[in-house]
C-alpha atoms as a PDB file:
ATOM      1  CA  MET A   1       0.000   0.000   0.000  1.00  0.00           C
ATOM      2  CA  HIS A   2       1.250   3.489  -0.879  1.00  0.00           C
ATOM      3  CA  LEU A   3       2.654   5.502   2.057  1.00  0.00           C
ATOM      4  CA  LEU A   4       0.010   8.228   1.669  1.00  0.00           C
ATOM      5  CA  ALA A   5      -2.810   5.679   1.863  1.00  0.00           C
ATOM      6  CA  GLN A   6      -1.240   4.081   4.909  1.00  0.00           C
ATOM      7  CA  MET A   7      -0.958   7.421   6.680  1.00  0.00           C
ATOM      8  CA  GLN A   8      -4.610   8.194   5.873  1.00  0.00           C
ATOM      9  CA  LYS A   9      -5.585   4.836   7.327  1.00  0.00           C
ATOM     10  CA  HIS A  10      -3.958   5.861  10.594  1.00  0.00           C
ATOM     11  CA  GLU A  11      -6.138   8.961  10.994  1.00  0.00           C
ATOM     12  CA  PHE A  12      -3.662  11.715  10.207  1.00  0.00           C
ATOM     13  CA  SER A  13      -5.343  14.991   9.276  1.00  0.00           C
ATOM     14  CA  ARG A  14      -6.199  14.682   5.585  1.00  0.00           C
ATOM     15  CA  ARG A  15      -5.167  18.242   4.730  1.00  0.00           C
ATOM     16  CA  ASN A  16      -1.767  17.850   6.366  1.00  0.00           C
ATOM     17  CA  ILE A  17      -1.095  14.335   5.064  1.00  0.00           C
ATOM     18  CA  GLU A  18      -0.085  15.320   1.555  1.00  0.00           C
ATOM     19  CA  LYS A  19       2.108  18.197   2.706  1.00  0.00           C
ATOM     20  CA  ARG A  20       3.632  16.163   5.540  1.00  0.00           C
ATOM     21  CA  THR A  21       4.142  13.107   3.330  1.00  0.00           C
ATOM     22  CA  TRP A  22       5.747  15.149   0.570  1.00  0.00           C
ATOM     23  CA  ASN A  23       8.005  16.963   3.045  1.00  0.00           C
ATOM     24  CA  LEU A  24       8.971  13.668   4.679  1.00  0.00           C
ATOM     25  CA  PHE A  25       9.737  12.073   1.315  1.00  0.00           C
ATOM     26  CA  LEU A  26      11.944  15.016   0.342  1.00  0.00           C
ATOM     27  CA  TRP A  27      13.636  15.031   3.715  1.00  0.00           C
ATOM     28  CA  PHE A  28      14.114  11.236   3.766  1.00  0.00           C
ATOM     29  CA  GLN A  29      15.626  11.311   0.280  1.00  0.00           C
ATOM     30  CA  GLU A  30      18.299  13.716   1.464  1.00  0.00           C
ATOM     31  CA  ALA A  31      18.811  12.350   4.982  1.00  0.00           C
ATOM     32  CA  LEU A  32      19.028   8.738   3.894  1.00  0.00           C
ATOM     33  CA  LYS A  33      21.826   9.539   1.457  1.00  0.00           C
ATOM     34  CA  ASN A  34      24.020   9.657   4.538  1.00  0.00           C
ATOM     35  CA  LEU A  35      26.147   6.562   4.838  1.00  0.00           C
ATOM     36  CA  ASP A  36      27.972   4.960   7.681  1.00  0.00           C
ATOM     37  CA  GLY A  37      30.798   3.261   5.832  1.00  0.00           C
ATOM     38  CA  ASP A  38      29.194   0.529   3.743  1.00  0.00           C
ATOM     39  CA  LEU A  39      25.705   0.953   5.271  1.00  0.00           C
ATOM     40  CA  ARG A  40      22.723   2.968   4.093  1.00  0.00           C
ATOM     41  CA  LEU A  41      19.053   3.014   5.080  1.00  0.00           C
ATOM     42  CA  GLU A  42      16.123   2.897   2.658  1.00  0.00           C
ATOM     43  CA  LEU A  43      12.557   3.777   3.629  1.00  0.00           C
ATOM     44  CA  ALA A  44      10.543   0.631   2.936  1.00  0.00           C
ATOM     45  CA  ASP A  45       7.116   1.067   4.494  1.00  0.00           C
ATOM     46  CA  PHE A  46       4.901   2.890   6.967  1.00  0.00           C
ATOM     47  CA  ASP A  47       2.141   1.105   8.850  1.00  0.00           C
ATOM     48  CA  GLN A  48       0.583   0.432  12.219  1.00  0.00           C
ATOM     49  CA  HIS A  49       2.859  -1.948  14.138  1.00  0.00           C
ATOM     50  CA  PRO A  50       0.698  -5.032  14.824  1.00  0.00           C
ATOM     51  CA  VAL A  51       2.071  -5.685  18.315  1.00  0.00           C
ATOM     52  CA  HIS A  52       2.997  -2.258  19.655  1.00  0.00           C
ATOM     53  CA  LYS A  53       0.006  -0.457  18.089  1.00  0.00           C
ATOM     54  CA  ALA A  54       2.072   2.530  17.026  1.00  0.00           C
ATOM     55  CA  PRO A  55       2.573   4.077  13.561  1.00  0.00           C
ATOM     56  CA  THR A  56       5.920   2.704  12.373  1.00  0.00           C
ATOM     57  CA  TYR A  57       8.442   3.548   9.675  1.00  0.00           C
ATOM     58  CA  HIS A  58      10.244   0.484   8.348  1.00  0.00           C
ATOM     59  CA  PHE A  59      13.708   0.905   6.862  1.00  0.00           C
ATOM     60  CA  ARG A  60      15.906  -1.593   5.066  1.00  0.00           C
ATOM     61  CA  MET A  61      19.554  -1.740   6.077  1.00  0.00           C
ATOM     62  CA  VAL A  62      21.363  -2.046   2.744  1.00  0.00           C
ATOM     63  CA  HIS A  63      25.015  -2.603   1.893  1.00  0.00           C
ATOM     64  CA  ALA A  64      25.982   0.602   0.070  1.00  0.00           C
ATOM     65  CA  VAL A  65      28.269  -1.155  -2.424  1.00  0.00           C
ATOM     66  CA  THR A  66      26.516  -4.457  -3.178  1.00  0.00           C
ATOM     67  CA  ASP A  67      22.887  -3.317  -2.528  1.00  0.00           C
ATOM     68  CA  GLU A  68      22.423  -6.495  -0.496  1.00  0.00           C
ATOM     69  CA  GLU A  69      19.698  -6.234   2.132  1.00  0.00           C
ATOM     70  CA  LEU A  70      21.242  -6.735   5.564  1.00  0.00           C
ATOM     71  CA  GLU A  71      17.923  -6.611   7.461  1.00  0.00           C
ATOM     72  CA  THR A  72      15.602  -4.000   8.939  1.00  0.00           C
ATOM     73  CA  ILE A  73      15.334  -1.236  11.482  1.00  0.00           C
ATOM     74  CA  ARG A  74      12.032   0.281  12.560  1.00  0.00           C
ATOM     75  CA  LEU A  75      11.068   3.614  14.053  1.00  0.00           C
ATOM     76  CA  ARG A  76       7.802   3.680  15.995  1.00  0.00           C
ATOM     77  CA  VAL A  77       6.509   7.254  16.027  1.00  0.00           C
ATOM     78  CA  GLY A  78       3.743   6.680  18.543  1.00  0.00           C
ATOM     79  CA  SER A  79       4.406   7.003  22.236  1.00  0.00           C
ATOM     80  CA  THR A  80       2.525   4.756  24.617  1.00  0.00           C
ATOM     81  CA  ARG A  81       3.506   3.533  28.049  1.00  0.00           C
ATOM     82  CA  HIS A  82       4.264   0.101  26.532  1.00  0.00           C
ATOM     83  CA  VAL A  83       6.540   1.639  23.882  1.00  0.00           C
ATOM     84  CA  GLU A  84       8.356   3.855  26.392  1.00  0.00           C
ATOM     85  CA  MET A  85       8.804   1.205  29.087  1.00  0.00           C
ATOM     86  CA  TYR A  86       9.277  -2.013  27.109  1.00  0.00           C
ATOM     87  CA  ALA A  87       9.320  -1.930  23.320  1.00  0.00           C
ATOM     88  CA  GLY A  88      11.155   1.333  22.721  1.00  0.00           C
ATOM     89  CA  GLN A  89      10.706   3.428  19.617  1.00  0.00           C
ATOM     90  CA  THR A  90      13.267   1.445  17.649  1.00  0.00           C
ATOM     91  CA  GLY A  91      13.527  -2.182  16.700  1.00  0.00           C
ATOM     92  CA  TYR A  92      16.130  -3.887  14.575  1.00  0.00           C
ATOM     93  CA  ALA A  93      17.230  -7.239  13.253  1.00  0.00           C
ATOM     94  CA  VAL A  94      20.260  -8.317  11.224  1.00  0.00           C
ATOM     95  CA  HIS A  95      20.490 -11.429   9.031  1.00  0.00           C
ATOM     96  CA  PRO A  96      22.754 -14.011  10.728  1.00  0.00           C
ATOM     97  CA  ALA A  97      25.267 -13.874   7.870  1.00  0.00           C
ATOM     98  CA  HIS A  98      25.812 -10.148   8.493  1.00  0.00           C
ATOM     99  CA  ARG A  99      26.096 -10.104  12.255  1.00  0.00           C
ATOM    100  CA  ALA A 100      29.217  -8.967  14.155  1.00  0.00           C
ATOM    101  CA  ARG A 101      29.754  -6.052  11.752  1.00  0.00           C
ATOM    102  CA  HIS A 102      27.897  -3.539  13.935  1.00  0.00           C
ATOM    103  CA  TYR A 103      25.228  -2.832  11.309  1.00  0.00           C
ATOM    104  CA  ALA A 104      22.457  -2.402  13.908  1.00  0.00           C
ATOM    105  CA  SER A 105      24.381   0.125  16.016  1.00  0.00           C
ATOM    106  CA  ARG A 106      25.419   2.024  12.905  1.00  0.00           C
ATOM    107  CA  ALA A 107      21.840   1.999  11.569  1.00  0.00           C
ATOM    108  CA  LEU A 108      20.656   3.304  14.916  1.00  0.00           C
ATOM    109  CA  ARG A 109      23.018   6.268  14.627  1.00  0.00           C
ATOM    110  CA  LEU A 110      21.704   6.967  11.101  1.00  0.00           C
ATOM    111  CA  LEU A 111      18.116   6.783  12.380  1.00  0.00           C
ATOM    112  CA  VAL A 112      18.517   9.432  15.107  1.00  0.00           C
ATOM    113  CA  PRO A 113      18.211  12.454  12.755  1.00  0.00           C
ATOM    114  CA  VAL A 114      15.087  10.864  11.239  1.00  0.00           C
ATOM    115  CA  ALA A 115      13.602  10.435  14.725  1.00  0.00           C
ATOM    116  CA  ARG A 116      14.336  14.066  15.547  1.00  0.00           C
ATOM    117  CA  HIS A 117      12.820  15.208  12.257  1.00  0.00           C
ATOM    118  CA  VAL A 118       9.509  13.466  12.990  1.00  0.00           C
ATOM    119  CA  GLY A 119       9.452  14.992  16.480  1.00  0.00           C
ATOM    120  CA  LEU A 120      10.733  12.185  18.703  1.00  0.00           C
ATOM    121  CA  ASP A 121      12.569  13.890  21.542  1.00  0.00           C
ATOM    122  CA  PRO A 122      13.360  12.022  23.649  1.00  0.00           C
ATOM    123  CA  LEU A 123      13.839   8.878  21.587  1.00  0.00           C
ATOM    124  CA  TRP A 124      13.001   5.868  23.767  1.00  0.00           C
ATOM    125  CA  ILE A 125      15.403   2.993  23.148  1.00  0.00           C
ATOM    126  CA  THR A 126      14.989  -0.050  25.351  1.00  0.00           C
ATOM    127  CA  CYS A 127      16.815  -3.323  25.674  1.00  0.00           C
ATOM    128  CA  ASP A 128      16.310  -6.573  27.554  1.00  0.00           C
ATOM    129  CA  PRO A 129      19.342  -6.712  29.881  1.00  0.00           C
ATOM    130  CA  GLU A 130      19.694 -10.429  29.122  1.00  0.00           C
ATOM    131  CA  ASN A 131      19.968  -9.781  25.372  1.00  0.00           C
ATOM    132  CA  HIS A 132      23.738  -9.310  25.229  1.00  0.00           C
ATOM    133  CA  ALA A 133      23.832  -8.626  21.472  1.00  0.00           C
ATOM    134  CA  SER A 134      21.251  -5.861  21.780  1.00  0.00           C
ATOM    135  CA  ARG A 135      22.995  -4.395  24.811  1.00  0.00           C
ATOM    136  CA  ARG A 136      26.287  -4.352  22.918  1.00  0.00           C
ATOM    137  CA  CYS A 137      24.563  -2.695  19.946  1.00  0.00           C
ATOM    138  CA  LEU A 138      23.399   0.160  22.165  1.00  0.00           C
ATOM    139  CA  GLU A 139      26.814   0.472  23.797  1.00  0.00           C
ATOM    140  CA  LEU A 140      28.483   0.724  20.375  1.00  0.00           C
ATOM    141  CA  ALA A 141      25.925   3.248  19.146  1.00  0.00           C
ATOM    142  CA  GLY A 142      26.995   5.351  22.119  1.00  0.00           C
ATOM    143  CA  PRO A 143      24.703   7.481  24.225  1.00  0.00           C
ATOM    144  CA  ASN A 144      26.279  10.700  22.946  1.00  0.00           C
ATOM    145  CA  SER A 145      25.543   9.826  19.321  1.00  0.00           C
ATOM    146  CA  LEU A 146      21.937   8.994  20.210  1.00  0.00           C
ATOM    147  CA  ARG A 147      21.145  12.398  21.714  1.00  0.00           C
END
């Protein structure tokens, strides 16, 4: 489904949807040209997250040279108690073959300006303390780069 139709489905003001969508597309086109080494993000979708019940931007993590999809990172733009306390406003996954190259932490750093642009301040990032890979991802992303 086209991004505009998805945003309409989620009850955004009709008059502001086209302007906001166009502005976001223009902004995303420029912002997502930023690379972190061999990593770039591509806007893939916008929909209501089925579990967290928040409007969510889905981005593909893509190898900048080979165009191979490395996996996904999501930005939930809604703020509920569940999102703030448990789920966080970001979610990411990396294909097993591409792990240990810090793609998730690098993608997280690339996502911060996008989060700020859509008005997420603060950006809630959570992690299960027992998930050592996710904890390490956040440590590598660095709290200063996530501000």
